[in-house]
């Protein structure tokens, strides 16, 4: 029988653990990296990647209000943006309530 010492166990774990623990997939953009996450389709049980709330433009506030969208610049290409949830939605007026 093979007897493994502490160093051998540490080396084995160091080689195996990165294979077992996968980090969420990242996509590189000019403004930074977007980190997604894995989901599983409920019916077919097939895994897929999800990226919620990817910014595409600067927020339309101040002098950008009612103007064409300006490209999102971010905080640098080495910044990782989590896309695990949706961003804040644009404010909408409920016109149907006013009509009834």
N, C-alpha and C. Protein backbone atom coordinates (compact mmCIF):
# COMPACT_ATOMS: atom_id res chain seq x y z
N UNK A 1 0.84 -1.18 0.00
CA UNK A 1 0.00 0.00 0.00
C UNK A 1 0.88 1.24 0.00
N UNK A 2 0.43 2.27 -0.72
CA UNK A 2 1.21 3.50 -0.82
C UNK A 2 0.88 4.40 0.36
N UNK A 3 1.91 4.91 0.98
CA UNK A 3 1.73 5.81 2.10
C UNK A 3 2.10 7.22 1.65
N UNK A 4 1.17 8.16 1.81
CA UNK A 4 1.42 9.54 1.40
C UNK A 4 1.69 10.41 2.61
N UNK A 5 2.71 11.22 2.53
CA UNK A 5 2.99 12.15 3.61
C UNK A 5 2.21 13.46 3.37
N UNK A 6 2.35 14.38 4.28
CA UNK A 6 1.60 15.64 4.22
C UNK A 6 1.89 16.42 2.94
N UNK A 7 3.13 16.49 2.52
CA UNK A 7 3.50 17.25 1.32
C UNK A 7 2.85 16.63 0.08
N UNK A 8 2.83 15.32 0.00
CA UNK A 8 2.20 14.64 -1.14
C UNK A 8 0.70 14.94 -1.19
N UNK A 9 0.04 14.91 -0.03
CA UNK A 9 -1.39 15.24 0.04
C UNK A 9 -1.63 16.69 -0.40
N UNK A 10 -0.78 17.59 0.05
CA UNK A 10 -0.94 19.00 -0.31
C UNK A 10 -0.78 19.20 -1.81
N UNK A 11 0.18 18.52 -2.41
CA UNK A 11 0.38 18.64 -3.86
C UNK A 11 -0.82 18.07 -4.61
N UNK A 12 -1.31 16.92 -4.17
CA UNK A 12 -2.49 16.32 -4.82
C UNK A 12 -3.70 17.23 -4.73
N UNK A 13 -3.96 17.78 -3.56
CA UNK A 13 -5.09 18.70 -3.40
C UNK A 13 -4.91 19.96 -4.23
N UNK A 14 -3.68 20.45 -4.29
CA UNK A 14 -3.40 21.64 -5.10
C UNK A 14 -3.65 21.42 -6.58
N UNK A 15 -3.48 20.21 -7.04
CA UNK A 15 -3.73 19.90 -8.44
C UNK A 15 -5.19 19.58 -8.73
N UNK A 16 -5.90 19.02 -7.78
CA UNK A 16 -7.28 18.58 -8.00
C UNK A 16 -8.30 19.69 -7.73
N UNK A 17 -8.12 20.48 -6.68
CA UNK A 17 -9.12 21.48 -6.31
C UNK A 17 -9.43 22.50 -7.40
N UNK A 18 -8.46 23.03 -8.13
CA UNK A 18 -8.82 23.97 -9.20
C UNK A 18 -9.71 23.34 -10.28
N UNK A 19 -9.61 22.05 -10.46
CA UNK A 19 -10.47 21.38 -11.44
C UNK A 19 -11.90 21.25 -10.93
N UNK A 20 -12.06 21.12 -9.62
CA UNK A 20 -13.39 20.95 -9.04
C UNK A 20 -14.14 22.26 -8.87
N UNK A 21 -13.42 23.31 -8.54
CA UNK A 21 -14.04 24.61 -8.28
C UNK A 21 -13.84 25.48 -9.51
N UNK A 22 -14.92 25.69 -10.26
CA UNK A 22 -14.83 26.54 -11.44
C UNK A 22 -15.36 27.92 -11.09
N UNK A 23 -14.63 28.92 -11.47
CA UNK A 23 -15.12 30.28 -11.23
C UNK A 23 -16.12 30.62 -12.33
N UNK A 24 -16.94 31.60 -12.05
CA UNK A 24 -17.93 32.03 -13.02
C UNK A 24 -17.23 32.55 -14.27
N UNK A 25 -17.81 32.31 -15.44
CA UNK A 25 -17.17 32.75 -16.69
C UNK A 25 -17.12 34.27 -16.78
N UNK A 26 -16.04 34.78 -17.33
CA UNK A 26 -15.87 36.22 -17.50
C UNK A 26 -15.70 36.56 -18.98
N UNK A 27 -16.26 37.71 -19.38
CA UNK A 27 -16.12 38.21 -20.74
C UNK A 27 -15.39 39.54 -20.66
N UNK A 28 -14.38 39.73 -21.49
CA UNK A 28 -13.59 40.96 -21.50
C UNK A 28 -14.22 41.99 -22.44
N UNK A 29 -14.46 43.19 -21.92
CA UNK A 29 -14.94 44.34 -22.69
C UNK A 29 -13.92 45.46 -22.55
N UNK A 30 -13.97 46.49 -23.39
CA UNK A 30 -13.03 47.61 -23.24
C UNK A 30 -13.14 48.30 -21.88
N UNK A 31 -14.33 48.30 -21.27
CA UNK A 31 -14.54 48.99 -20.00
C UNK A 31 -14.31 48.10 -18.79
N UNK A 32 -13.99 46.84 -18.98
CA UNK A 32 -13.76 45.93 -17.87
C UNK A 32 -14.23 44.53 -18.19
N UNK A 33 -14.18 43.66 -17.18
CA UNK A 33 -14.64 42.28 -17.36
C UNK A 33 -16.00 42.12 -16.71
N UNK A 34 -16.87 41.36 -17.37
CA UNK A 34 -18.19 41.05 -16.84
C UNK A 34 -18.15 39.61 -16.35
N UNK A 35 -18.49 39.42 -15.09
CA UNK A 35 -18.49 38.08 -14.51
C UNK A 35 -19.91 37.55 -14.49
N UNK A 36 -20.13 36.44 -15.17
CA UNK A 36 -21.44 35.82 -15.21
C UNK A 36 -21.55 34.71 -14.18
N UNK A 37 -22.58 33.91 -14.33
CA UNK A 37 -22.71 32.76 -13.45
C UNK A 37 -23.45 31.65 -14.19
N UNK A 38 -23.36 30.47 -13.65
CA UNK A 38 -23.96 29.29 -14.27
C UNK A 38 -25.38 29.10 -13.77
N UNK A 39 -26.26 28.68 -14.68
CA UNK A 39 -27.61 28.28 -14.31
C UNK A 39 -27.92 26.97 -15.01
N UNK A 40 -28.97 26.32 -14.59
CA UNK A 40 -29.39 25.06 -15.20
C UNK A 40 -30.83 25.22 -15.66
N UNK A 41 -31.08 24.88 -16.91
CA UNK A 41 -32.43 24.96 -17.47
C UNK A 41 -33.31 23.96 -16.75
N UNK A 42 -34.50 24.39 -16.31
CA UNK A 42 -35.31 23.56 -15.43
C UNK A 42 -35.84 22.29 -16.10
N UNK A 43 -36.22 22.38 -17.37
CA UNK A 43 -36.80 21.21 -18.02
C UNK A 43 -35.75 20.21 -18.49
N UNK A 44 -34.77 20.68 -19.24
CA UNK A 44 -33.78 19.76 -19.83
C UNK A 44 -32.56 19.53 -18.93
N UNK A 45 -32.43 20.32 -17.87
CA UNK A 45 -31.28 20.23 -16.95
C UNK A 45 -29.95 20.54 -17.63
N UNK A 46 -29.99 21.32 -18.72
CA UNK A 46 -28.77 21.70 -19.41
C UNK A 46 -28.20 22.97 -18.78
N UNK A 47 -26.90 23.00 -18.53
CA UNK A 47 -26.29 24.21 -17.95
C UNK A 47 -26.09 25.29 -19.01
N UNK A 48 -26.14 26.55 -18.57
CA UNK A 48 -25.87 27.68 -19.46
C UNK A 48 -25.33 28.84 -18.62
N UNK A 49 -24.71 29.81 -19.30
CA UNK A 49 -24.14 30.97 -18.63
C UNK A 49 -25.12 32.14 -18.69
N UNK A 50 -25.16 32.94 -17.62
CA UNK A 50 -26.08 34.07 -17.54
C UNK A 50 -25.28 35.33 -17.25
N UNK A 51 -25.63 36.41 -17.95
CA UNK A 51 -25.01 37.72 -17.76
C UNK A 51 -26.14 38.76 -17.69
N UNK A 52 -26.54 39.16 -16.48
CA UNK A 52 -27.60 40.15 -16.30
C UNK A 52 -27.00 41.54 -16.17
N UNK A 53 -27.73 42.54 -16.63
CA UNK A 53 -27.38 43.93 -16.37
C UNK A 53 -26.08 44.41 -16.95
N UNK A 54 -25.73 43.99 -18.17
CA UNK A 54 -24.50 44.47 -18.80
C UNK A 54 -24.71 45.93 -19.20
N UNK A 55 -23.89 46.85 -18.70
CA UNK A 55 -24.07 48.26 -19.05
C UNK A 55 -23.67 48.52 -20.50
N UNK A 56 -24.50 49.29 -21.20
CA UNK A 56 -24.18 49.61 -22.59
C UNK A 56 -24.05 51.10 -22.82
N UNK A 57 -24.52 51.91 -21.88
CA UNK A 57 -24.44 53.36 -22.04
C UNK A 57 -24.35 54.02 -20.66
N UNK A 58 -23.88 55.26 -20.67
CA UNK A 58 -23.87 56.05 -19.44
C UNK A 58 -25.31 56.33 -19.03
N UNK A 59 -25.58 56.47 -17.75
CA UNK A 59 -26.94 56.79 -17.32
C UNK A 59 -27.40 58.14 -17.88
N UNK A 60 -28.65 58.25 -18.31
CA UNK A 60 -29.15 59.50 -18.89
C UNK A 60 -29.53 60.53 -17.83
N UNK A 61 -28.55 61.07 -17.16
CA UNK A 61 -28.80 62.08 -16.13
C UNK A 61 -28.09 63.37 -16.51
N UNK A 62 -28.54 64.46 -15.91
CA UNK A 62 -27.93 65.77 -16.10
C UNK A 62 -27.94 66.17 -17.58
N UNK A 63 -26.78 66.48 -18.14
CA UNK A 63 -26.73 66.95 -19.53
C UNK A 63 -26.94 65.83 -20.55
N UNK A 64 -26.94 64.57 -20.11
CA UNK A 64 -27.20 63.46 -21.03
C UNK A 64 -28.70 63.15 -21.18
N UNK A 65 -29.52 63.85 -20.40
CA UNK A 65 -30.97 63.64 -20.44
C UNK A 65 -31.51 63.99 -21.82
N UNK A 66 -32.32 63.11 -22.39
CA UNK A 66 -32.96 63.30 -23.70
C UNK A 66 -31.95 63.47 -24.83
N UNK A 67 -30.80 62.89 -24.70
CA UNK A 67 -29.77 62.91 -25.74
C UNK A 67 -29.49 61.46 -26.18
N UNK A 68 -28.74 61.34 -27.26
CA UNK A 68 -28.35 60.00 -27.73
C UNK A 68 -27.49 59.31 -26.66
N UNK A 69 -27.59 58.00 -26.53
CA UNK A 69 -26.78 57.28 -25.54
C UNK A 69 -25.29 57.46 -25.77
N UNK A 70 -24.56 57.64 -24.68
CA UNK A 70 -23.10 57.74 -24.73
C UNK A 70 -22.51 56.40 -24.29
N UNK A 71 -21.44 55.94 -24.94
CA UNK A 71 -20.86 54.64 -24.58
C UNK A 71 -20.45 54.58 -23.11
N UNK A 72 -20.64 53.42 -22.52
CA UNK A 72 -20.23 53.18 -21.14
C UNK A 72 -18.71 53.04 -21.10
N UNK A 73 -18.06 53.78 -20.21
CA UNK A 73 -16.60 53.73 -20.14
C UNK A 73 -16.09 52.91 -18.96
N UNK A 74 -16.86 52.77 -17.92
CA UNK A 74 -16.45 51.96 -16.77
C UNK A 74 -15.33 52.60 -15.98
N UNK A 75 -14.68 51.78 -15.16
CA UNK A 75 -13.61 52.26 -14.28
C UNK A 75 -12.25 51.67 -14.63
N UNK A 76 -12.10 51.13 -15.81
CA UNK A 76 -10.83 50.54 -16.22
C UNK A 76 -11.00 49.10 -16.67
N UNK A 77 -10.10 48.65 -17.51
CA UNK A 77 -10.23 47.32 -18.10
C UNK A 77 -9.89 46.20 -17.12
N UNK A 78 -9.30 46.52 -15.97
CA UNK A 78 -8.98 45.48 -15.00
C UNK A 78 -10.06 45.30 -13.93
N UNK A 79 -11.16 46.06 -14.04
CA UNK A 79 -12.25 45.99 -13.07
C UNK A 79 -13.21 44.86 -13.47
N UNK A 80 -13.65 44.06 -12.50
CA UNK A 80 -14.61 42.99 -12.75
C UNK A 80 -15.98 43.45 -12.28
N UNK A 81 -16.95 43.43 -13.19
CA UNK A 81 -18.33 43.83 -12.88
C UNK A 81 -19.16 42.57 -12.73
N UNK A 82 -19.84 42.43 -11.61
CA UNK A 82 -20.70 41.26 -11.39
C UNK A 82 -22.01 41.45 -12.13
N UNK A 83 -22.45 40.41 -12.82
CA UNK A 83 -23.72 40.48 -13.54
C UNK A 83 -24.70 39.45 -12.98
N UNK A 84 -24.70 39.30 -11.68
CA UNK A 84 -25.56 38.31 -11.05
C UNK A 84 -27.00 38.77 -10.88
N UNK A 85 -27.28 40.03 -11.15
CA UNK A 85 -28.65 40.53 -11.04
C UNK A 85 -28.89 41.68 -12.00
N UNK A 86 -30.16 42.00 -12.19
CA UNK A 86 -30.52 43.10 -13.08
C UNK A 86 -30.15 44.44 -12.45
N UNK A 87 -29.88 45.42 -13.27
CA UNK A 87 -29.63 46.78 -12.80
C UNK A 87 -30.98 47.47 -12.57
N UNK A 88 -30.92 48.68 -12.04
CA UNK A 88 -32.14 49.44 -11.80
C UNK A 88 -32.84 49.73 -13.12
N UNK A 89 -34.15 49.57 -13.14
CA UNK A 89 -34.94 49.82 -14.35
C UNK A 89 -35.21 51.30 -14.50
N UNK A 90 -35.43 51.72 -15.73
CA UNK A 90 -35.80 53.11 -15.98
C UNK A 90 -37.18 53.37 -15.39
N UNK A 91 -37.38 54.58 -14.87
CA UNK A 91 -38.66 54.94 -14.31
C UNK A 91 -39.70 55.02 -15.42
N UNK A 92 -40.86 54.44 -15.19
CA UNK A 92 -41.95 54.44 -16.16
C UNK A 92 -43.19 55.00 -15.48
N UNK A 93 -43.92 55.80 -16.22
CA UNK A 93 -45.19 56.29 -15.72
C UNK A 93 -46.27 55.28 -16.08
N UNK A 94 -47.14 54.96 -15.14
CA UNK A 94 -48.20 54.00 -15.40
C UNK A 94 -49.38 54.72 -16.03
N UNK A 95 -49.41 54.78 -17.35
CA UNK A 95 -50.45 55.49 -18.07
C UNK A 95 -51.81 54.82 -17.95
N UNK A 96 -51.85 53.51 -17.82
CA UNK A 96 -53.12 52.81 -17.72
C UNK A 96 -53.88 53.19 -16.46
N UNK A 97 -53.19 53.43 -15.36
CA UNK A 97 -53.87 53.84 -14.12
C UNK A 97 -54.50 55.21 -14.28
N UNK A 98 -53.85 56.10 -15.04
CA UNK A 98 -54.38 57.44 -15.22
C UNK A 98 -55.62 57.44 -16.11
N UNK A 99 -55.72 56.48 -17.03
CA UNK A 99 -56.85 56.43 -17.96
C UNK A 99 -58.09 55.82 -17.34
N UNK A 100 -57.96 55.04 -16.29
CA UNK A 100 -59.13 54.37 -15.71
C UNK A 100 -59.67 55.09 -14.52
